[in-house]
Amino acid sequence: MRIGLFVTCLTDTLFPDTGKAVVAVLERLGHQVDFPAGQTCCGQMHFNTGYTEEGLALARRFERVFADAEVVVSPSASCAGMVREHCSPELASRVFELAEFLVKRLGLEDVGAYYPHRVTYHPTCHGLRGLLLGDRPMALLRAVRGIELVQLPQAEECCGFGGTFAVKNADTSAAMLADKLAHVLSTGATVCTAGDNSCLMHIGGGLRRHGAQARAVHLAEILASTEEDAA
């Protein structure tokens, strides 16, 4: 299958290893991955901040850039949700978040990953409530060889990021993050994973500030890991 990678501006700018991991997983499964160089922000930040016209203009740009893609895959439930909600129905039906694409579209759970670490999973709000990913990310994680997967207490609670919410409501965001960090640390996990780098940036920053041993790692990077990487 020929897949268009919608890497998202946050991942492309700050977490490029996640984008590389998506390519590694999809190519390992025998697919061809294209990266349209004309892609930009999906417009979510603008749209959610009240700049509706500017946000929708970026969504229209997304439609033009990915018009010929057989399917579009993104390592972000948040950005995939924006595109699915505000782009044409025809294109929206071809846009998938990574875990959704692997499990729902391809019917896969085991993608050949090996990751010998104690891991807990945070279901992001857009993935949980927007795209209704359900158990798909956990199904992928359970199939990873060597992993010790532990349940995150009160996993469905928001981490407090929420895009510009974390800036406009900093005190509330920090309090929500403190609760999330306490739950992550209670698991004894060395890795907290999720499907959105925005939330992982928030959680990972909090873990670093607390001097915790645990770190934040995107789901795609776990799925891309192999025994050769661990050697």
Protein backbone atom coordinates (compact mmCIF):
# COMPACT_ATOMS: atom_id res chain seq x y z
CA MET A 1 0.00 0.00 0.00
CA ARG A 2 1.15 3.56 -0.72
CA ILE A 3 0.80 5.60 2.47
CA GLY A 4 1.06 9.36 2.92
CA LEU A 5 2.74 10.27 6.21
CA PHE A 6 1.14 13.24 7.96
CA VAL A 7 3.87 13.78 10.50
CA THR A 8 2.35 16.91 12.17
CA CYS A 9 4.26 20.11 12.84
CA LEU A 10 4.96 19.29 16.50
CA THR A 11 6.51 15.92 15.68
CA ASP A 12 8.44 17.24 12.68
CA THR A 13 9.88 20.14 14.68
CA LEU A 14 10.45 18.67 18.14
CA PHE A 15 10.18 14.87 17.97
CA PRO A 16 11.48 13.74 14.56
CA ASP A 17 12.33 10.27 15.88
CA THR A 18 8.62 9.57 16.08
CA GLY A 19 8.16 10.29 12.39
CA LYS A 20 11.11 8.05 11.55
CA ALA A 21 9.59 5.33 13.73
CA VAL A 22 6.28 5.47 11.86
CA VAL A 23 8.15 5.00 8.58
CA ALA A 24 10.16 2.10 10.05
CA VAL A 25 7.02 0.28 11.21
CA LEU A 26 5.11 0.76 7.97
CA GLU A 27 8.05 -0.19 5.76
CA ARG A 28 8.71 -3.27 7.90
CA LEU A 29 5.14 -4.31 7.10
CA GLY A 30 5.85 -3.94 3.39
CA HIS A 31 4.25 -0.58 2.63
CA GLN A 32 5.63 2.39 0.72
CA VAL A 33 5.64 5.65 2.65
CA ASP A 34 5.51 9.06 0.99
CA PHE A 35 6.20 12.34 2.76
CA PRO A 36 4.56 15.25 0.93
CA ALA A 37 6.95 18.15 1.55
CA GLY A 38 4.16 20.71 1.21
CA GLN A 39 2.41 19.65 4.40
CA THR A 40 2.13 22.17 7.23
CA CYS A 41 0.09 22.52 10.41
CA CYS A 42 -3.39 20.98 10.22
CA GLY A 43 -4.87 24.19 11.65
CA GLN A 44 -6.02 22.77 14.97
CA MET A 45 -4.14 25.28 17.13
CA HIS A 46 -5.58 28.20 15.17
CA PHE A 47 -9.10 26.75 15.08
CA ASN A 48 -9.22 25.95 18.80
CA THR A 49 -7.88 29.38 19.73
CA GLY A 50 -10.64 31.16 17.86
CA TYR A 51 -8.92 31.80 14.53
CA THR A 52 -11.50 29.76 12.66
CA GLU A 53 -10.84 31.04 9.15
CA GLU A 54 -7.08 30.59 9.48
CA GLY A 55 -7.53 27.08 10.87
CA LEU A 56 -9.90 26.04 8.12
CA ALA A 57 -7.56 27.49 5.48
CA LEU A 58 -4.85 25.13 6.71
CA ALA A 59 -7.30 22.23 6.61
CA ARG A 60 -8.01 23.11 2.97
CA ARG A 61 -4.27 23.11 2.33
CA PHE A 62 -4.05 19.64 3.85
CA GLU A 63 -6.71 18.48 1.39
CA ARG A 64 -4.67 19.74 -1.55
CA VAL A 65 -1.38 18.29 -0.32
CA PHE A 66 -2.79 14.81 0.39
CA ALA A 67 -5.40 14.72 -2.37
CA ASP A 68 -3.76 11.80 -4.19
CA ALA A 69 -2.83 9.71 -1.14
CA GLU A 70 -4.32 6.22 -0.99
CA VAL A 71 -4.37 6.53 2.80
CA VAL A 72 -2.91 9.06 5.22
CA VAL A 73 -1.39 7.93 8.54
CA SER A 74 -0.44 10.20 11.43
CA PRO A 75 1.22 9.59 14.81
CA SER A 76 -1.27 11.99 16.41
CA ALA A 77 -4.88 11.36 17.35
CA SER A 78 -5.23 15.07 17.99
CA CYS A 79 -4.23 16.18 14.50
CA ALA A 80 -5.94 13.26 12.79
CA GLY A 81 -9.11 14.27 14.60
CA MET A 82 -8.85 17.85 13.34
CA VAL A 83 -8.43 16.67 9.77
CA ARG A 84 -11.26 14.16 9.95
CA GLU A 85 -13.62 16.75 11.38
CA HIS A 86 -12.86 19.64 9.07
CA CYS A 87 -11.70 18.17 5.75
CA SER A 88 -13.93 16.72 3.05
CA PRO A 89 -15.64 13.42 3.96
CA GLU A 90 -13.90 11.70 1.05
CA LEU A 91 -10.44 12.57 2.33
CA ALA A 92 -11.38 12.23 5.99
CA SER A 93 -12.30 8.59 5.39
CA ARG A 94 -8.71 7.94 4.29
CA VAL A 95 -7.03 9.52 7.34
CA PHE A 96 -5.96 7.25 10.20
CA GLU A 97 -4.12 7.58 13.48
CA LEU A 98 -1.27 5.04 13.58
CA ALA A 99 -2.77 2.50 16.03
CA GLU A 100 -6.13 2.79 14.31
CA PHE A 101 -4.53 2.11 10.93
CA LEU A 102 -2.57 -0.90 12.12
CA VAL A 103 -5.36 -2.61 14.05
CA LYS A 104 -8.55 -1.47 12.31
CA ARG A 105 -7.45 -1.07 8.69
CA LEU A 106 -4.70 -3.72 8.48
CA GLY A 107 -6.05 -6.09 11.12
CA LEU A 108 -2.66 -6.36 12.86
CA GLU A 109 -1.59 -6.36 16.49
CA ASP A 110 1.88 -7.90 16.33
CA VAL A 111 4.14 -5.68 14.21
CA GLY A 112 7.37 -7.44 15.13
CA ALA A 113 8.43 -5.13 17.96
CA TYR A 114 10.72 -5.92 20.88
CA TYR A 115 10.94 -3.54 23.85
CA PRO A 116 12.26 -4.95 27.15
CA HIS A 117 11.00 -2.23 29.49
CA ARG A 118 8.28 -1.67 32.09
CA VAL A 119 5.72 0.50 30.29
CA THR A 120 2.46 2.23 31.17
CA TYR A 121 0.06 3.71 28.62
CA HIS A 122 -1.74 7.06 28.80
CA PRO A 123 -4.78 7.23 26.48
CA THR A 124 -4.89 10.81 25.22
CA CYS A 125 -8.18 12.69 25.19
CA HIS A 126 -8.42 12.95 21.41
CA GLY A 127 -7.63 9.29 20.97
CA LEU A 128 -9.99 8.17 23.70
CA ARG A 129 -12.92 10.52 23.16
CA GLY A 130 -12.38 11.89 19.68
CA LEU A 131 -11.27 8.97 17.52
CA LEU A 132 -12.62 6.32 19.90
CA LEU A 133 -9.44 4.24 19.60
CA GLY A 134 -10.54 2.04 22.47
CA ASP A 135 -8.22 -0.88 23.20
CA ARG A 136 -6.30 -0.73 19.91
CA PRO A 137 -3.11 0.90 21.28
CA MET A 138 -3.06 -1.52 24.20
CA ALA A 139 -3.53 -4.46 21.84
CA LEU A 140 -0.42 -3.37 19.96
CA LEU A 141 1.54 -2.97 23.19
CA ARG A 142 0.48 -6.37 24.52
CA ALA A 143 1.91 -7.98 21.39
CA VAL A 144 5.36 -6.40 21.87
CA ARG A 145 7.95 -8.99 22.88
CA GLY A 146 9.86 -8.37 26.09
CA ILE A 147 7.55 -5.63 27.35
CA GLU A 148 6.20 -5.47 30.89
CA LEU A 149 2.93 -3.60 30.48
CA VAL A 150 1.37 -2.12 33.62
CA GLN A 151 -2.02 -0.45 33.98
CA LEU A 152 -2.05 3.30 34.63
CA PRO A 153 -4.41 4.26 37.49
CA GLN A 154 -7.16 6.67 36.43
CA ALA A 155 -5.76 6.43 32.93
CA GLU A 156 -8.71 8.18 31.31
CA GLU A 157 -8.07 11.44 33.17
CA CYS A 158 -6.62 14.27 31.05
CA CYS A 159 -2.93 15.07 31.56
CA GLY A 160 -3.70 18.81 31.54
CA PHE A 161 -2.02 19.80 28.29
CA GLY A 162 -4.91 20.57 25.97
CA GLY A 163 -2.86 22.72 23.57
CA THR A 164 -3.25 26.39 24.47
CA PHE A 165 -5.21 25.34 27.58
CA ALA A 166 -1.85 24.72 29.28
CA VAL A 167 -0.88 28.34 28.59
CA LYS A 168 -4.18 30.07 29.28
CA ASN A 169 -4.97 27.99 32.38
CA ALA A 170 -1.49 27.23 33.62
CA ASP A 171 -2.39 26.60 37.28
CA THR A 172 -5.18 24.18 36.43
CA SER A 173 -3.01 22.46 33.84
CA ALA A 174 -0.18 22.06 36.35
CA ALA A 175 -2.54 20.56 38.94
CA MET A 176 -3.87 18.05 36.40
CA LEU A 177 -0.33 17.18 35.39
CA ALA A 178 0.67 16.61 39.02
CA ASP A 179 -2.12 14.05 39.37
CA LYS A 180 -1.07 12.32 36.14
CA LEU A 181 2.59 12.20 37.20
CA ALA A 182 1.67 10.68 40.56
CA HIS A 183 -0.23 7.91 38.79
CA VAL A 184 2.58 7.29 36.31
CA LEU A 185 5.16 7.07 39.10
CA SER A 186 2.95 4.76 41.17
CA THR A 187 3.22 2.10 38.45
CA GLY A 188 6.99 1.83 38.73
CA ALA A 189 7.15 2.08 34.95
CA THR A 190 10.33 3.35 33.34
CA VAL A 191 8.41 4.47 30.25
CA CYS A 192 5.11 6.29 29.84
CA THR A 193 3.78 5.99 26.31
CA ALA A 194 0.92 7.57 24.37
CA GLY A 195 -0.15 8.29 20.82
CA ASP A 196 0.27 12.08 20.92
CA ASN A 197 3.58 13.88 21.34
CA SER A 198 1.77 16.95 22.66
CA CYS A 199 0.67 15.07 25.78
CA LEU A 200 4.00 13.26 26.02
CA MET A 201 5.83 16.59 25.90
CA HIS A 202 3.73 17.75 28.86
CA ILE A 203 4.15 14.53 30.83
CA GLY A 204 7.81 14.09 29.91
CA GLY A 205 8.64 17.63 30.97
CA GLY A 206 7.00 17.03 34.32
CA LEU A 207 8.91 13.78 34.83
CA ARG A 208 12.23 15.49 34.05
CA ARG A 209 11.51 18.38 36.42
CA HIS A 210 10.84 15.87 39.19
CA GLY A 211 14.06 14.02 38.45
CA ALA A 212 12.09 10.83 37.82
CA GLN A 213 13.66 7.77 36.21
CA ALA A 214 10.61 7.33 34.01
CA ARG A 215 10.55 8.96 30.56
CA ALA A 216 7.97 9.63 27.88
CA VAL A 217 8.19 7.65 24.61
CA HIS A 218 5.74 7.73 21.71
CA LEU A 219 3.93 4.50 20.88
CA ALA A 220 5.42 4.51 17.37
CA GLU A 221 8.95 4.40 18.78
CA ILE A 222 8.11 1.34 20.87
CA LEU A 223 6.53 -0.39 17.88
CA ALA A 224 9.58 0.40 15.74
CA SER A 225 12.03 -1.09 18.25
CA THR A 226 13.58 -4.48 17.51
CA GLU A 227 15.98 -6.87 19.18
CA GLU A 228 18.77 -5.37 17.06
CA ASP A 229 18.04 -1.96 18.60
CA ALA A 230 18.24 -3.40 22.11
CA ALA A 231 21.52 -5.21 21.49
